[in-house]
């Protein structure tokens, strides 16, 4: 993922059947003038996921008015496994549509503010916001993983305390020793203890 201030590869997405819109051409020109690589202008239709998988843009810029919800549906499919900053320029001020866009992963939703000279600044904001969201998402995933590890380890310790009549510190040392002997992470050692208990009943 490129960062602000560097050359970005950008895919421009329009409403279906609107690839030749003046706005899309203006956006393309502004991005090229700013030194970015414009990968092309694509309709926001069912072909979008395949195009994005093949082109792998750093940023997606959407110009949509008449089919915002349809375009969003295809963007959700296209970015499900590979998230990236998305900028949407539209004349549609509908708040539910705006909420849907943000929920679909749009980093910047700009209503009636499409000016070629502003495109770069909007993209910069979208890239920074996306990076911040990704960092928060990573922290949340790490916290969830740590909580899941702790629950698994605690469960394994309870099994050991019951079956082997160990104290909690002794059960913890047992897991540490098992992990060290088998070159496992502590959670993996705990899962082995739980699996054996499940097999033996």
C-alpha atoms as a PDB file:
ATOM      1  CA  UNK A   1       0.000   0.000   0.000  1.00  0.00           C
ATOM      2  CA  UNK A   2       1.494   3.294  -1.100  1.00  0.00           C
ATOM      3  CA  UNK A   3       1.418   6.206   1.304  1.00  0.00           C
ATOM      4  CA  UNK A   4       0.492   9.847   0.992  1.00  0.00           C
ATOM      5  CA  UNK A   5       2.975  11.838  -1.059  1.00  0.00           C
ATOM      6  CA  UNK A   6       4.005   8.915  -3.258  1.00  0.00           C
ATOM      7  CA  UNK A   7       2.794   7.785  -6.649  1.00  0.00           C
ATOM      8  CA  UNK A   8      -0.466   5.869  -6.384  1.00  0.00           C
ATOM      9  CA  UNK A   9      -2.132   3.549  -8.844  1.00  0.00           C
ATOM     10  CA  UNK A  10      -5.748   4.667  -9.085  1.00  0.00           C
ATOM     11  CA  UNK A  11      -8.813   3.041 -10.614  1.00  0.00           C
ATOM     12  CA  UNK A  12     -11.708   5.350 -11.449  1.00  0.00           C
ATOM     13  CA  UNK A  13     -15.168   3.827 -11.136  1.00  0.00           C
ATOM     14  CA  UNK A  14     -18.354   5.319 -12.564  1.00  0.00           C
ATOM     15  CA  UNK A  15     -22.036   4.488 -12.710  1.00  0.00           C
ATOM     16  CA  UNK A  16     -22.743   1.686 -15.189  1.00  0.00           C
ATOM     17  CA  UNK A  17     -22.767   2.988 -18.777  1.00  0.00           C
ATOM     18  CA  UNK A  18     -21.102   6.247 -17.733  1.00  0.00           C
ATOM     19  CA  UNK A  19     -17.414   5.512 -18.393  1.00  0.00           C
ATOM     20  CA  UNK A  20     -17.129   8.486 -20.730  1.00  0.00           C
ATOM     21  CA  UNK A  21     -18.489  11.038 -18.260  1.00  0.00           C
ATOM     22  CA  UNK A  22     -16.834  14.449 -18.231  1.00  0.00           C
ATOM     23  CA  UNK A  23     -16.270  14.134 -14.472  1.00  0.00           C
ATOM     24  CA  UNK A  24     -14.396  10.841 -14.838  1.00  0.00           C
ATOM     25  CA  UNK A  25     -12.210  12.406 -17.524  1.00  0.00           C
ATOM     26  CA  UNK A  26     -11.542  15.431 -15.291  1.00  0.00           C
ATOM     27  CA  UNK A  27     -10.592  13.190 -12.341  1.00  0.00           C
ATOM     28  CA  UNK A  28      -8.310  11.129 -14.569  1.00  0.00           C
ATOM     29  CA  UNK A  29      -6.580  14.248 -15.839  1.00  0.00           C
ATOM     30  CA  UNK A  30      -6.128  15.713 -12.354  1.00  0.00           C
ATOM     31  CA  UNK A  31      -4.608  12.471 -11.050  1.00  0.00           C
ATOM     32  CA  UNK A  32      -2.278  12.135 -14.015  1.00  0.00           C
ATOM     33  CA  UNK A  33      -1.180  15.762 -13.604  1.00  0.00           C
ATOM     34  CA  UNK A  34      -0.416  14.984  -9.933  1.00  0.00           C
ATOM     35  CA  UNK A  35       1.902  12.180 -11.051  1.00  0.00           C
ATOM     36  CA  UNK A  36      -0.318   9.212 -10.258  1.00  0.00           C
ATOM     37  CA  UNK A  37      -0.831   6.141 -12.424  1.00  0.00           C
ATOM     38  CA  UNK A  38      -4.419   6.046 -13.670  1.00  0.00           C
ATOM     39  CA  UNK A  39      -5.296   2.413 -14.334  1.00  0.00           C
ATOM     40  CA  UNK A  40      -8.410   3.325 -16.260  1.00  0.00           C
ATOM     41  CA  UNK A  41     -12.082   4.112 -15.910  1.00  0.00           C
ATOM     42  CA  UNK A  42     -14.385   1.192 -15.180  1.00  0.00           C
ATOM     43  CA  UNK A  43     -18.123   0.906 -14.793  1.00  0.00           C
ATOM     44  CA  UNK A  44     -19.285  -0.004 -11.314  1.00  0.00           C
ATOM     45  CA  UNK A  45     -21.015  -3.155 -12.483  1.00  0.00           C
ATOM     46  CA  UNK A  46     -20.598  -6.911 -12.040  1.00  0.00           C
ATOM     47  CA  UNK A  47     -17.249  -6.819 -13.851  1.00  0.00           C
ATOM     48  CA  UNK A  48     -15.692  -4.574 -11.179  1.00  0.00           C
ATOM     49  CA  UNK A  49     -14.499  -7.304  -8.753  1.00  0.00           C
ATOM     50  CA  UNK A  50     -12.582  -9.101 -11.510  1.00  0.00           C
ATOM     51  CA  UNK A  51     -11.070  -5.839 -12.759  1.00  0.00           C
ATOM     52  CA  UNK A  52      -9.905  -4.819  -9.285  1.00  0.00           C
ATOM     53  CA  UNK A  53      -8.436  -8.267  -8.598  1.00  0.00           C
ATOM     54  CA  UNK A  54      -6.439  -7.993 -11.811  1.00  0.00           C
ATOM     55  CA  UNK A  55      -5.380  -4.337 -11.586  1.00  0.00           C
ATOM     56  CA  UNK A  56      -4.807  -4.162  -7.792  1.00  0.00           C
ATOM     57  CA  UNK A  57      -5.176  -0.367  -7.452  1.00  0.00           C
ATOM     58  CA  UNK A  58      -3.801   1.458  -4.418  1.00  0.00           C
ATOM     59  CA  UNK A  59      -6.868   3.694  -4.356  1.00  0.00           C
ATOM     60  CA  UNK A  60     -10.336   3.567  -5.908  1.00  0.00           C
ATOM     61  CA  UNK A  61     -12.035   6.839  -6.881  1.00  0.00           C
ATOM     62  CA  UNK A  62     -15.766   6.569  -7.524  1.00  0.00           C
ATOM     63  CA  UNK A  63     -17.880   9.099  -9.424  1.00  0.00           C
ATOM     64  CA  UNK A  64     -21.488   8.026  -8.967  1.00  0.00           C
ATOM     65  CA  UNK A  65     -24.912   9.628  -8.863  1.00  0.00           C
ATOM     66  CA  UNK A  66     -27.708   7.597 -10.434  1.00  0.00           C
ATOM     67  CA  UNK A  67     -26.604   4.170  -9.198  1.00  0.00           C
ATOM     68  CA  UNK A  68     -24.728   4.773  -5.945  1.00  0.00           C
ATOM     69  CA  UNK A  69     -26.197   1.760  -4.132  1.00  0.00           C
ATOM     70  CA  UNK A  70     -25.536  -0.586  -7.059  1.00  0.00           C
ATOM     71  CA  UNK A  71     -21.945   0.620  -7.363  1.00  0.00           C
ATOM     72  CA  UNK A  72     -21.443   0.201  -3.600  1.00  0.00           C
ATOM     73  CA  UNK A  73     -22.663  -3.391  -3.805  1.00  0.00           C
ATOM     74  CA  UNK A  74     -20.022  -4.209  -6.415  1.00  0.00           C
ATOM     75  CA  UNK A  75     -17.319  -2.355  -4.457  1.00  0.00           C
ATOM     76  CA  UNK A  76     -18.114  -4.424  -1.349  1.00  0.00           C
ATOM     77  CA  UNK A  77     -17.618  -7.591  -3.397  1.00  0.00           C
ATOM     78  CA  UNK A  78     -14.442  -6.244  -4.984  1.00  0.00           C
ATOM     79  CA  UNK A  79     -12.784  -5.195  -1.711  1.00  0.00           C
ATOM     80  CA  UNK A  80     -13.998  -8.000   0.548  1.00  0.00           C
ATOM     81  CA  UNK A  81     -10.621  -9.759   0.621  1.00  0.00           C
ATOM     82  CA  UNK A  82      -8.333  -6.826  -0.209  1.00  0.00           C
ATOM     83  CA  UNK A  83      -9.360  -3.590   1.461  1.00  0.00           C
ATOM     84  CA  UNK A  84      -8.080  -0.287   0.077  1.00  0.00           C
ATOM     85  CA  UNK A  85      -8.897   3.435   0.342  1.00  0.00           C
ATOM     86  CA  UNK A  86     -12.054   4.386  -1.536  1.00  0.00           C
ATOM     87  CA  UNK A  87     -13.044   7.960  -2.397  1.00  0.00           C
ATOM     88  CA  UNK A  88     -16.586   8.677  -3.587  1.00  0.00           C
ATOM     89  CA  UNK A  89     -17.683  11.851  -5.330  1.00  0.00           C
ATOM     90  CA  UNK A  90     -21.436  12.182  -5.718  1.00  0.00           C
ATOM     91  CA  UNK A  91     -24.251  14.725  -5.951  1.00  0.00           C
ATOM     92  CA  UNK A  92     -26.468  12.479  -3.813  1.00  0.00           C
ATOM     93  CA  UNK A  93     -26.817  14.028  -0.312  1.00  0.00           C
ATOM     94  CA  UNK A  94     -29.022  11.186   1.006  1.00  0.00           C
ATOM     95  CA  UNK A  95     -27.820  10.345   4.528  1.00  0.00           C
ATOM     96  CA  UNK A  96     -28.778   6.644   4.455  1.00  0.00           C
ATOM     97  CA  UNK A  97     -26.784   6.324   1.233  1.00  0.00           C
ATOM     98  CA  UNK A  98     -23.854   8.069   2.907  1.00  0.00           C
ATOM     99  CA  UNK A  99     -24.060   5.672   5.861  1.00  0.00           C
ATOM    100  CA  UNK A 100     -24.195   2.713   3.466  1.00  0.00           C
ATOM    101  CA  UNK A 101     -21.116   4.027   1.669  1.00  0.00           C
ATOM    102  CA  UNK A 102     -19.126   4.407   4.881  1.00  0.00           C
ATOM    103  CA  UNK A 103     -20.278   0.963   5.981  1.00  0.00           C
ATOM    104  CA  UNK A 104     -19.084  -0.416   2.657  1.00  0.00           C
ATOM    105  CA  UNK A 105     -15.584   0.894   3.346  1.00  0.00           C
ATOM    106  CA  UNK A 106     -15.647   4.302   1.644  1.00  0.00           C
ATOM    107  CA  UNK A 107     -12.936   6.424   3.280  1.00  0.00           C
ATOM    108  CA  UNK A 108     -14.079   9.801   1.910  1.00  0.00           C
ATOM    109  CA  UNK A 109     -17.635  10.631   0.786  1.00  0.00           C
ATOM    110  CA  UNK A 110     -17.759  14.012  -0.930  1.00  0.00           C
ATOM    111  CA  UNK A 111     -21.105  15.553  -1.867  1.00  0.00           C
ATOM    112  CA  UNK A 112     -21.152  18.162  -4.625  1.00  0.00           C
ATOM    113  CA  UNK A 113     -17.497  18.892  -4.120  1.00  0.00           C
ATOM    114  CA  UNK A 114     -15.875  17.522  -7.246  1.00  0.00           C
ATOM    115  CA  UNK A 115     -13.240  19.985  -8.374  1.00  0.00           C
ATOM    116  CA  UNK A 116     -10.190  18.598 -10.182  1.00  0.00           C
ATOM    117  CA  UNK A 117      -7.839  20.691  -8.068  1.00  0.00           C
ATOM    118  CA  UNK A 118      -9.292  19.151  -4.858  1.00  0.00           C
ATOM    119  CA  UNK A 119      -9.021  15.503  -5.895  1.00  0.00           C
ATOM    120  CA  UNK A 120      -5.443  15.119  -4.593  1.00  0.00           C
ATOM    121  CA  UNK A 121      -6.278  16.578  -1.174  1.00  0.00           C
ATOM    122  CA  UNK A 122      -9.323  14.323  -0.809  1.00  0.00           C
ATOM    123  CA  UNK A 123      -7.267  11.263  -1.736  1.00  0.00           C
ATOM    124  CA  UNK A 124      -4.594  12.233   0.817  1.00  0.00           C
ATOM    125  CA  UNK A 125      -7.258  12.391   3.544  1.00  0.00           C
ATOM    126  CA  UNK A 126      -8.747   9.053   2.436  1.00  0.00           C
ATOM    127  CA  UNK A 127      -5.366   7.311   2.453  1.00  0.00           C
ATOM    128  CA  UNK A 128      -4.514   8.611   5.936  1.00  0.00           C
ATOM    129  CA  UNK A 129      -7.947   7.701   7.288  1.00  0.00           C
ATOM    130  CA  UNK A 130      -7.706   4.230   5.784  1.00  0.00           C
ATOM    131  CA  UNK A 131      -4.268   3.691   7.332  1.00  0.00           C
ATOM    132  CA  UNK A 132      -5.624   4.724  10.729  1.00  0.00           C
ATOM    133  CA  UNK A 133      -8.614   2.401  10.415  1.00  0.00           C
ATOM    134  CA  UNK A 134      -6.355  -0.488   9.397  1.00  0.00           C
ATOM    135  CA  UNK A 135      -4.135   0.120  12.428  1.00  0.00           C
ATOM    136  CA  UNK A 136      -7.174   0.115  14.735  1.00  0.00           C
ATOM    137  CA  UNK A 137      -8.496  -3.021  13.063  1.00  0.00           C
ATOM    138  CA  UNK A 138      -5.136  -4.707  13.599  1.00  0.00           C
ATOM    139  CA  UNK A 139      -5.122  -3.741  17.277  1.00  0.00           C
ATOM    140  CA  UNK A 140      -8.665  -5.051  17.706  1.00  0.00           C
ATOM    141  CA  UNK A 141      -7.805  -8.343  16.000  1.00  0.00           C
ATOM    142  CA  UNK A 142      -4.730  -8.718  18.214  1.00  0.00           C
ATOM    143  CA  UNK A 143      -6.808  -8.051  21.337  1.00  0.00           C
ATOM    144  CA  UNK A 144      -9.413 -10.597  20.268  1.00  0.00           C
ATOM    145  CA  UNK A 145      -6.723 -13.160  19.545  1.00  0.00           C
ATOM    146  CA  UNK A 146      -5.088 -12.547  22.925  1.00  0.00           C
ATOM    147  CA  UNK A 147      -8.441 -12.961  24.692  1.00  0.00           C
ATOM    148  CA  UNK A 148      -9.115 -16.205  22.813  1.00  0.00           C
ATOM    149  CA  UNK A 149      -5.631 -17.483  23.725  1.00  0.00           C
ATOM    150  CA  UNK A 150      -6.208 -16.666  27.390  1.00  0.00           C
ATOM    151  CA  UNK A 151      -9.559 -18.473  27.422  1.00  0.00           C
ATOM    152  CA  UNK A 152      -8.028 -21.574  25.832  1.00  0.00           C
ATOM    153  CA  UNK A 153      -5.097 -21.595  28.274  1.00  0.00           C
ATOM    154  CA  UNK A 154      -7.410 -21.112  31.267  1.00  0.00           C
ATOM    155  CA  UNK A 155      -9.589 -23.985  30.082  1.00  0.00           C
ATOM    156  CA  UNK A 156      -6.573 -26.264  29.710  1.00  0.00           C
ATOM    157  CA  UNK A 157      -5.373 -25.321  33.185  1.00  0.00           C
ATOM    158  CA  UNK A 158      -8.767 -26.195  34.637  1.00  0.00           C
ATOM    159  CA  UNK A 159      -8.536 -29.610  32.940  1.00  0.00           C
ATOM    160  CA  UNK A 160      -5.087 -30.187  34.420  1.00  0.00           C
ATOM    161  CA  UNK A 161      -6.130 -28.999  37.858  1.00  0.00           C
ATOM    162  CA  UNK A 162      -9.061 -31.418  37.824  1.00  0.00           C
ATOM    163  CA  UNK A 163      -7.442 -34.463  36.199  1.00  0.00           C
ATOM    164  CA  UNK A 164      -3.965 -34.187  37.712  1.00  0.00           C
ATOM    165  CA  UNK A 165      -4.916 -32.495  40.955  1.00  0.00           C
ATOM    166  CA  UNK A 166      -2.548 -29.584  40.250  1.00  0.00           C
ATOM    167  CA  UNK A 167      -2.629 -26.056  41.579  1.00  0.00           C
ATOM    168  CA  UNK A 168      -3.088 -23.224  39.084  1.00  0.00           C
ATOM    169  CA  UNK A 169       0.657 -22.338  39.065  1.00  0.00           C
ATOM    170  CA  UNK A 170       1.545 -26.035  38.617  1.00  0.00           C
ATOM    171  CA  UNK A 171      -0.917 -26.365  35.743  1.00  0.00           C
ATOM    172  CA  UNK A 172       0.594 -23.277  34.105  1.00  0.00           C
ATOM    173  CA  UNK A 173       4.128 -24.688  34.462  1.00  0.00           C
ATOM    174  CA  UNK A 174       2.898 -27.990  33.009  1.00  0.00           C
ATOM    175  CA  UNK A 175       1.669 -26.149  29.899  1.00  0.00           C
ATOM    176  CA  UNK A 176       4.910 -24.176  29.643  1.00  0.00           C
ATOM    177  CA  UNK A 177       6.967 -27.370  29.852  1.00  0.00           C
ATOM    178  CA  UNK A 178       4.792 -29.064  27.240  1.00  0.00           C
ATOM    179  CA  UNK A 179       5.082 -26.084  24.915  1.00  0.00           C
ATOM    180  CA  UNK A 180       8.855 -26.010  25.311  1.00  0.00           C
ATOM    181  CA  UNK A 181       9.311 -29.763  24.755  1.00  0.00           C
ATOM    182  CA  UNK A 182       7.103 -29.803  21.657  1.00  0.00           C
ATOM    183  CA  UNK A 183       8.235 -26.388  20.315  1.00  0.00           C
ATOM    184  CA  UNK A 184       4.681 -25.101  20.502  1.00  0.00           C
ATOM    185  CA  UNK A 185       3.064 -21.832  21.400  1.00  0.00           C
ATOM    186  CA  UNK A 186       1.412 -21.897  24.814  1.00  0.00           C
ATOM    187  CA  UNK A 187      -2.052 -21.765  23.218  1.00  0.00           C
ATOM    188  CA  UNK A 188      -1.223 -24.745  20.967  1.00  0.00           C
ATOM    189  CA  UNK A 189      -0.042 -26.726  23.993  1.00  0.00           C
ATOM    190  CA  UNK A 190      -3.283 -25.836  25.759  1.00  0.00           C
ATOM    191  CA  UNK A 191      -5.301 -27.003  22.760  1.00  0.00           C
ATOM    192  CA  UNK A 192      -3.475 -30.362  22.842  1.00  0.00           C
ATOM    193  CA  UNK A 193      -4.394 -30.830  26.493  1.00  0.00           C
ATOM    194  CA  UNK A 194      -8.029 -29.998  25.707  1.00  0.00           C
ATOM    195  CA  UNK A 195      -8.052 -32.350  22.707  1.00  0.00           C
ATOM    196  CA  UNK A 196      -6.666 -35.234  24.753  1.00  0.00           C
ATOM    197  CA  UNK A 197      -9.283 -34.606  27.434  1.00  0.00           C
ATOM    198  CA  UNK A 198     -12.014 -34.636  24.790  1.00  0.00           C
ATOM    199  CA  UNK A 199     -10.752 -37.956  23.385  1.00  0.00           C
ATOM    200  CA  UNK A 200     -10.430 -39.612  26.766  1.00  0.00           C
ATOM    201  CA  UNK A 201     -13.605 -38.138  28.143  1.00  0.00           C
END
